[in-house]
Amino acid sequence: MPVTGICRLCERSRPLELSHIIPSFVFRWQKNTSVVPIRDSNKPNMRTQDGTKLPFLCSECEDVFEKWETPFASQVFEPAHRPLHSMPVTVKYGRWCLKFAVSVSWRVLKYWSEDPRYASLLLEKRLLAERALQQWRKFLLDETPNPAEFEQHILPVGMVKKPVPGMSPWFNRYAARAVDHTFAFSSEIMFVFSKLGHLSIFGMIPPEPRVPGWTGTKLHVRSGHVALGGDAWIEIPGAIVEFMSSRADHAAAVMGSLSAPQQEKALKALRNANVDGELFEAFLRDFQLFGDAALGQREDE
């Protein structure tokens, strides 16, 4: 039955849709290209057909978001998930791209702001996050022309041939297959992280109106190009690699928490995977780079 409540975006009392936090087209890709079942990180022993969704938006606001999701899915997401030999170096985008990115970052931050852990944030950081939510909401409703200092950066995520020190032994599998989102904060930086398969969106919540260390990743209001291929010139802060490695470790911990029967099913699916498939290649790269650590075993075992 439809649930009536306050729509998070328009803030009117209306029947609410079961809204996705990460857009549904991302999970369709994951499901259609996966040899193992999709699992919810909060309930890893249960298979799922979809991502996190809850009564969140009214149908009118859902329709607004869909107008931006449709071109992003076909003009950015689809090319980013082609085989490397057919992937373009860059793709052009229009006004819909920044709107889409902000809509994802806003959804994720709004979702996390309703989590009990959010209350543990220092007041100064919580107020800054609230400012980001307000600015992003105003931009989505066309009440302001841009997201101000709360920029959106989009980063292609690919498998690595050479690891950096401390990199997770699950990094390639995480890079190739994971869909993920979280609200990240430290003493120096805050951002909203949304991983859509081979693309990651960073909604920045900087303590100052400047985001240093990023080149070729910022999304602009009217138009621009998203870097996809290996020849595209981008730079990111080293801390971002460390952060994504920590997310790969988190994904590994979720898999490690599977019950013995579920672990056996996952291993059986991997054994039966196409040797030309993405998951098999990612697993092989992790094993070549990290040895037994890629299997969840210490080298001395």
Protein backbone atom coordinates (compact mmCIF):
# COMPACT_ATOMS: atom_id res chain seq x y z
CA MET A 1 0.00 0.00 0.00
CA PRO A 2 1.26 3.54 -0.75
CA VAL A 3 2.70 5.38 2.23
CA THR A 4 1.73 9.00 2.72
CA GLY A 5 4.44 11.21 4.15
CA ILE A 6 6.63 14.22 3.56
CA CYS A 7 8.52 14.05 0.26
CA ARG A 8 12.19 14.71 1.03
CA LEU A 9 12.60 16.98 -2.00
CA CYS A 10 9.45 19.10 -2.39
CA GLU A 11 8.65 18.77 1.34
CA ARG A 12 4.92 18.35 0.71
CA SER A 13 2.71 15.67 2.25
CA ARG A 14 2.03 13.18 -0.55
CA PRO A 15 1.90 9.46 -1.33
CA LEU A 16 5.52 8.35 -1.46
CA GLU A 17 7.14 6.07 -4.00
CA LEU A 18 9.60 3.33 -3.07
CA SER A 19 12.59 5.37 -4.19
CA HIS A 20 16.07 4.07 -4.99
CA ILE A 21 18.99 5.76 -3.27
CA ILE A 22 21.31 4.60 -6.07
CA PRO A 23 19.38 4.67 -9.40
CA SER A 24 17.83 1.39 -10.52
CA PHE A 25 19.65 1.28 -13.89
CA VAL A 26 22.90 0.67 -11.99
CA PHE A 27 21.50 -2.47 -10.35
CA ARG A 28 20.09 -3.69 -13.67
CA TRP A 29 23.65 -3.55 -15.05
CA GLN A 30 25.01 -5.33 -11.98
CA LYS A 31 22.37 -8.05 -12.09
CA ASN A 32 22.53 -8.59 -15.87
CA THR A 33 26.32 -8.89 -15.93
CA SER A 34 26.93 -10.79 -12.68
CA VAL A 35 27.70 -14.47 -12.18
CA VAL A 36 27.04 -14.22 -8.44
CA PRO A 37 23.87 -12.98 -6.69
CA ILE A 38 23.59 -9.36 -5.56
CA ARG A 39 23.78 -9.03 -1.78
CA ASP A 40 22.79 -6.30 0.65
CA SER A 41 25.81 -5.35 2.80
CA ASN A 42 23.49 -5.00 5.82
CA LYS A 43 22.12 -8.55 5.29
CA PRO A 44 24.87 -10.34 3.35
CA ASN A 45 23.37 -13.83 3.65
CA MET A 46 20.23 -12.69 1.84
CA ARG A 47 20.18 -12.34 -1.92
CA THR A 48 18.55 -9.22 -3.33
CA GLN A 49 17.30 -8.16 -6.73
CA ASP A 50 17.73 -4.46 -6.16
CA GLY A 51 19.47 -1.78 -4.13
CA THR A 52 18.37 0.23 -1.12
CA LYS A 53 14.93 1.76 -1.59
CA LEU A 54 12.41 3.25 0.81
CA PRO A 55 9.44 5.65 0.86
CA PHE A 56 11.37 8.78 0.02
CA LEU A 57 10.01 10.86 -2.89
CA CYS A 58 6.61 11.61 -4.34
CA SER A 59 5.87 10.51 -7.91
CA GLU A 60 6.29 14.05 -9.26
CA CYS A 61 9.81 14.37 -7.85
CA GLU A 62 10.67 10.85 -9.02
CA ASP A 63 9.69 11.93 -12.54
CA VAL A 64 11.98 14.97 -12.29
CA PHE A 65 14.92 12.76 -11.31
CA GLU A 66 14.15 10.33 -14.12
CA LYS A 67 14.57 13.13 -16.70
CA TRP A 68 18.23 13.37 -15.67
CA GLU A 69 18.80 9.66 -15.12
CA THR A 70 17.75 8.67 -18.64
CA PRO A 71 20.42 10.65 -20.56
CA PHE A 72 23.08 9.85 -17.98
CA ALA A 73 22.37 6.13 -18.28
CA SER A 74 22.61 6.12 -22.09
CA GLN A 75 25.27 8.76 -22.72
CA VAL A 76 27.68 8.30 -19.78
CA PHE A 77 27.00 5.10 -17.85
CA GLU A 78 26.62 2.79 -20.85
CA PRO A 79 29.85 3.92 -22.60
CA ALA A 80 31.73 3.65 -19.29
CA HIS A 81 30.80 -0.04 -19.06
CA ARG A 82 31.89 -1.09 -22.52
CA PRO A 83 34.99 -3.24 -23.05
CA LEU A 84 38.17 -1.18 -22.97
CA HIS A 85 38.78 -1.49 -26.71
CA SER A 86 35.43 0.16 -27.49
CA MET A 87 35.26 2.66 -24.61
CA PRO A 88 35.59 6.33 -25.65
CA VAL A 89 38.25 8.45 -23.96
CA THR A 90 35.64 11.07 -23.04
CA VAL A 91 31.90 11.61 -23.50
CA LYS A 92 30.13 14.93 -23.78
CA TYR A 93 27.36 15.93 -21.38
CA GLY A 94 24.70 18.64 -21.08
CA ARG A 95 22.86 20.33 -18.22
CA TRP A 96 21.34 17.02 -17.13
CA CYS A 97 24.68 15.63 -15.95
CA LEU A 98 25.32 17.93 -13.00
CA LYS A 99 21.65 17.70 -12.06
CA PHE A 100 21.93 13.92 -12.04
CA ALA A 101 25.12 13.91 -9.95
CA VAL A 102 23.65 16.33 -7.41
CA SER A 103 20.48 14.25 -7.21
CA VAL A 104 22.54 11.16 -6.32
CA SER A 105 24.72 12.97 -3.76
CA TRP A 106 21.66 14.63 -2.22
CA ARG A 107 19.81 11.30 -1.95
CA VAL A 108 22.76 9.56 -0.33
CA LEU A 109 23.42 12.37 2.15
CA LYS A 110 19.72 12.69 2.97
CA TYR A 111 19.57 8.95 3.57
CA TRP A 112 22.63 9.01 5.83
CA SER A 113 21.39 12.10 7.69
CA GLU A 114 18.50 9.97 8.94
CA ASP A 115 20.85 7.29 10.29
CA PRO A 116 21.41 7.36 14.10
CA ARG A 117 25.19 7.55 13.54
CA TYR A 118 24.76 10.98 11.93
CA ALA A 119 23.98 12.49 15.33
CA SER A 120 27.52 11.65 16.48
CA LEU A 121 28.98 14.22 14.07
CA LEU A 122 30.47 17.30 15.63
CA LEU A 123 28.02 20.21 15.46
CA GLU A 124 30.28 22.16 13.08
CA LYS A 125 30.38 19.28 10.60
CA ARG A 126 26.67 18.60 10.93
CA LEU A 127 25.86 22.23 10.14
CA LEU A 128 28.11 22.08 7.07
CA ALA A 129 26.40 18.90 5.88
CA GLU A 130 23.02 20.59 6.37
CA ARG A 131 24.21 23.50 4.24
CA ALA A 132 25.17 21.06 1.48
CA LEU A 133 21.75 19.40 1.66
CA GLN A 134 20.02 22.76 1.41
CA GLN A 135 22.17 24.01 -1.47
CA TRP A 136 21.79 20.77 -3.41
CA ARG A 137 18.03 20.75 -2.85
CA LYS A 138 17.73 24.35 -4.06
CA PHE A 139 19.74 23.50 -7.16
CA LEU A 140 17.54 20.49 -7.92
CA LEU A 141 14.44 22.67 -7.57
CA ASP A 142 15.94 25.41 -9.81
CA GLU A 143 16.00 27.86 -6.93
CA THR A 144 19.74 28.51 -7.38
CA PRO A 145 21.90 28.30 -10.54
CA ASN A 146 24.67 26.06 -9.19
CA PRO A 147 25.73 23.92 -6.20
CA ALA A 148 28.17 26.64 -5.01
CA GLU A 149 31.17 25.18 -3.16
CA PHE A 150 29.48 21.79 -2.87
CA GLU A 151 30.95 20.57 -6.15
CA GLN A 152 30.39 17.25 -7.89
CA HIS A 153 33.34 15.26 -9.22
CA ILE A 154 33.02 12.14 -11.34
CA LEU A 155 35.80 9.61 -11.45
CA PRO A 156 36.14 6.53 -13.68
CA VAL A 157 37.14 3.47 -11.67
CA GLY A 158 39.15 0.76 -13.37
CA MET A 159 41.24 -2.24 -12.44
CA VAL A 160 44.88 -1.62 -11.57
CA LYS A 161 47.98 -3.41 -12.85
CA LYS A 162 50.30 -2.10 -10.14
CA PRO A 163 49.16 -1.61 -6.54
CA VAL A 164 50.11 1.27 -4.28
CA PRO A 165 51.36 0.50 -0.75
CA GLY A 166 48.52 -0.51 1.53
CA MET A 167 46.04 -1.18 -1.28
CA SER A 168 43.28 -3.65 -0.50
CA PRO A 169 43.78 -7.14 -1.98
CA TRP A 170 40.13 -6.89 -3.06
CA PHE A 171 40.61 -3.62 -4.93
CA ASN A 172 40.14 -4.92 -8.48
CA ARG A 173 37.00 -6.85 -7.63
CA TYR A 174 35.62 -3.79 -5.87
CA ALA A 175 36.55 -1.51 -8.78
CA ALA A 176 35.03 -3.79 -11.39
CA ARG A 177 31.78 -4.91 -9.78
CA ALA A 178 30.76 -2.98 -6.67
CA VAL A 179 27.85 -0.60 -6.24
CA ASP A 180 28.36 1.38 -3.05
CA HIS A 181 27.48 4.58 -1.22
CA THR A 182 28.49 6.25 2.03
CA PHE A 183 28.99 9.57 3.78
CA ALA A 184 32.70 9.99 4.54
CA PHE A 185 34.23 12.47 6.95
CA SER A 186 37.47 13.07 8.79
CA SER A 187 39.09 15.96 10.64
CA GLU A 188 40.00 17.57 7.29
CA ILE A 189 37.37 16.66 4.68
CA MET A 190 33.81 15.48 4.13
CA PHE A 191 32.18 14.12 1.01
CA VAL A 192 29.35 11.95 -0.20
CA PHE A 193 30.56 8.90 -2.13
CA SER A 194 28.42 7.03 -4.64
CA LYS A 195 29.95 4.21 -6.69
CA LEU A 196 27.91 3.34 -9.77
CA GLY A 197 29.87 0.39 -11.10
CA HIS A 198 32.79 1.82 -13.08
CA LEU A 199 31.93 5.43 -12.16
CA SER A 200 32.16 7.17 -8.80
CA ILE A 201 30.50 10.46 -7.87
CA PHE A 202 31.99 12.59 -5.11
CA GLY A 203 29.72 15.26 -3.66
CA MET A 204 32.16 17.54 -1.90
CA ILE A 205 31.41 19.20 1.44
CA PRO A 206 34.57 21.24 1.94
CA PRO A 207 35.35 23.32 5.04
CA GLU A 208 36.45 26.09 2.65
CA PRO A 209 34.97 27.05 -0.78
CA ARG A 210 37.79 25.28 -2.61
CA VAL A 211 38.48 21.64 -3.41
CA PRO A 212 42.23 21.15 -4.08
CA GLY A 213 43.90 18.17 -5.71
CA TRP A 214 41.33 17.36 -8.41
CA THR A 215 41.92 17.87 -12.16
CA GLY A 216 39.61 16.88 -15.01
CA THR A 217 36.81 15.54 -12.78
CA LYS A 218 34.58 18.49 -11.86
CA LEU A 219 31.12 18.63 -13.44
CA HIS A 220 29.96 21.99 -14.79
CA VAL A 221 26.49 23.49 -14.99
CA ARG A 222 25.97 23.73 -18.75
CA SER A 223 28.21 21.20 -20.47
CA GLY A 224 31.56 19.48 -20.49
CA HIS A 225 33.23 16.10 -20.92
CA VAL A 226 33.43 13.10 -18.58
CA ALA A 227 36.75 11.27 -18.72
CA LEU A 228 36.34 7.51 -19.24
CA GLY A 229 39.26 6.02 -21.17
CA GLY A 230 42.82 5.39 -20.09
CA ASP A 231 44.22 8.30 -22.12
CA ALA A 232 42.06 10.90 -20.38
CA TRP A 233 43.99 13.31 -18.14
CA ILE A 234 42.74 13.36 -14.56
CA GLU A 235 44.32 13.83 -11.14
CA ILE A 236 42.91 13.03 -7.71
CA PRO A 237 44.25 13.38 -4.16
CA GLY A 238 46.14 10.35 -2.87
CA ALA A 239 43.76 10.16 0.07
CA ILE A 240 40.95 9.22 -2.34
CA VAL A 241 42.81 6.06 -3.39
CA GLU A 242 43.25 5.19 0.28
CA PHE A 243 39.56 5.80 0.90
CA MET A 244 38.46 3.60 -1.99
CA SER A 245 40.86 0.90 -0.82
CA SER A 246 39.17 1.03 2.58
CA ARG A 247 35.80 0.56 0.87
CA ALA A 248 37.21 -2.48 -0.92
CA ASP A 249 38.27 -3.87 2.47
CA HIS A 250 34.75 -3.22 3.73
CA ALA A 251 33.31 -5.17 0.78
CA ALA A 252 35.73 -8.02 1.55
CA ALA A 253 34.61 -8.03 5.19
CA VAL A 254 30.98 -8.29 4.07
CA MET A 255 31.83 -11.31 1.92
CA GLY A 256 33.83 -12.78 4.80
CA SER A 257 30.75 -12.57 7.03
CA LEU A 258 28.77 -14.90 4.77
CA SER A 259 27.67 -18.16 6.27
CA ALA A 260 29.59 -21.25 5.18
CA PRO A 261 26.83 -22.45 2.76
CA GLN A 262 26.61 -18.99 1.16
CA GLN A 263 30.39 -18.77 0.82
CA GLU A 264 30.42 -22.15 -0.93
CA LYS A 265 27.71 -20.99 -3.33
CA ALA A 266 29.69 -17.82 -4.11
CA LEU A 267 32.88 -19.84 -4.74
CA LYS A 268 31.00 -22.28 -6.96
CA ALA A 269 29.63 -19.38 -9.02
CA LEU A 270 33.14 -17.94 -9.37
CA ARG A 271 34.53 -21.32 -10.49
CA ASN A 272 31.84 -21.48 -13.16
CA ALA A 273 32.42 -17.88 -14.28
CA ASN A 274 33.41 -17.17 -17.86
CA VAL A 275 37.21 -16.91 -18.02
CA ASP A 276 36.70 -13.92 -20.31
CA GLY A 277 34.34 -12.24 -17.84
CA GLU A 278 35.04 -9.14 -15.80
CA LEU A 279 34.74 -10.78 -12.37
CA PHE A 280 37.16 -13.56 -13.28
CA GLU A 281 39.67 -11.05 -14.66
CA ALA A 282 39.38 -8.91 -11.52
CA PHE A 283 39.87 -11.93 -9.25
CA LEU A 284 42.88 -13.07 -11.30
CA ARG A 285 44.48 -9.62 -11.10
CA ASP A 286 43.96 -9.46 -7.36
CA PHE A 287 45.54 -12.89 -6.94
CA GLN A 288 48.50 -11.99 -9.18
CA LEU A 289 49.11 -8.75 -7.26
CA PHE A 290 48.38 -9.83 -3.70
CA GLY A 291 48.73 -13.61 -3.60
CA ASP A 292 46.88 -15.50 -0.87
CA ALA A 293 45.72 -12.21 0.66
CA ALA A 294 43.27 -11.98 -2.26
CA LEU A 295 41.69 -15.19 -0.96
CA GLY A 296 41.35 -13.81 2.54
CA GLN A 297 44.35 -15.79 3.75
CA ARG A 298 47.55 -14.61 5.37
CA GLU A 299 50.79 -15.47 3.60
CA ASP A 300 51.94 -17.58 6.58
CA GLU A 301 48.82 -19.77 6.63
